[in-house]
Amino acid sequence: MGEQGEIILQITEKLTEISGSAPCKKKVQKMIYLIEEKEIDIGFPYKIYIYGPYSADLDYKICELKAEGCLDIQQSNRGHMLKCITQPGSSLISDRMNEIISIFGKKNARTLELIATTLYAERYVEHKNRETIIKAVKKIKGEKFPEEKITDAICLLEESNYFSLAY
């Protein structure tokens, strides 16, 4: 399973505890992206994809955990739900990881998609201000998210110290 697998299981368990139900793969993808973007290297490269930042390596690792019997994946109307079969070992989750999970863990997958996409856009726009970030998110997502929701995501990311925009 390795350290990456153990971290995935621990994050999945933590998200289950916080929200009271199994998280979907999309939620785990976005949560690990938010953790990685706080300079906590778990080792999963991300690129922009249909539902925002996506790591094929992370998806593959989740499939490996299922094949090893550590994780169950059930299809539901909310997506591919992840449930730990094997109890994770001693915690590899740092205080910084716990902080990120506590801030974003109760958010649903769609909201995390917006937050992660907003952060991804901020990382890649040249002139960093609200307008350019909103424009970049709209370019990636089209009209899926209204401007006020994108603005809310920007504010939450600023409050969570992912970036600071000059006004």
Foldseek 3Di string as FASTA:
>chain_A
DDPLLLQLLVLQVLLCVVQVHFAAPLQSQLLVLVVVLVVPPSPFDWDQDQLGTGGPVNVVSLVVCVVVVQWAWDQDPLHTGIDGPDHRDPDPQDPSSVVSCVLPSNPHSNLSSLLRNLLVLQVPDDQHDLVSSLVSSCVSHPPPDDSVSNVVSVVSCVVVPSDDDDD
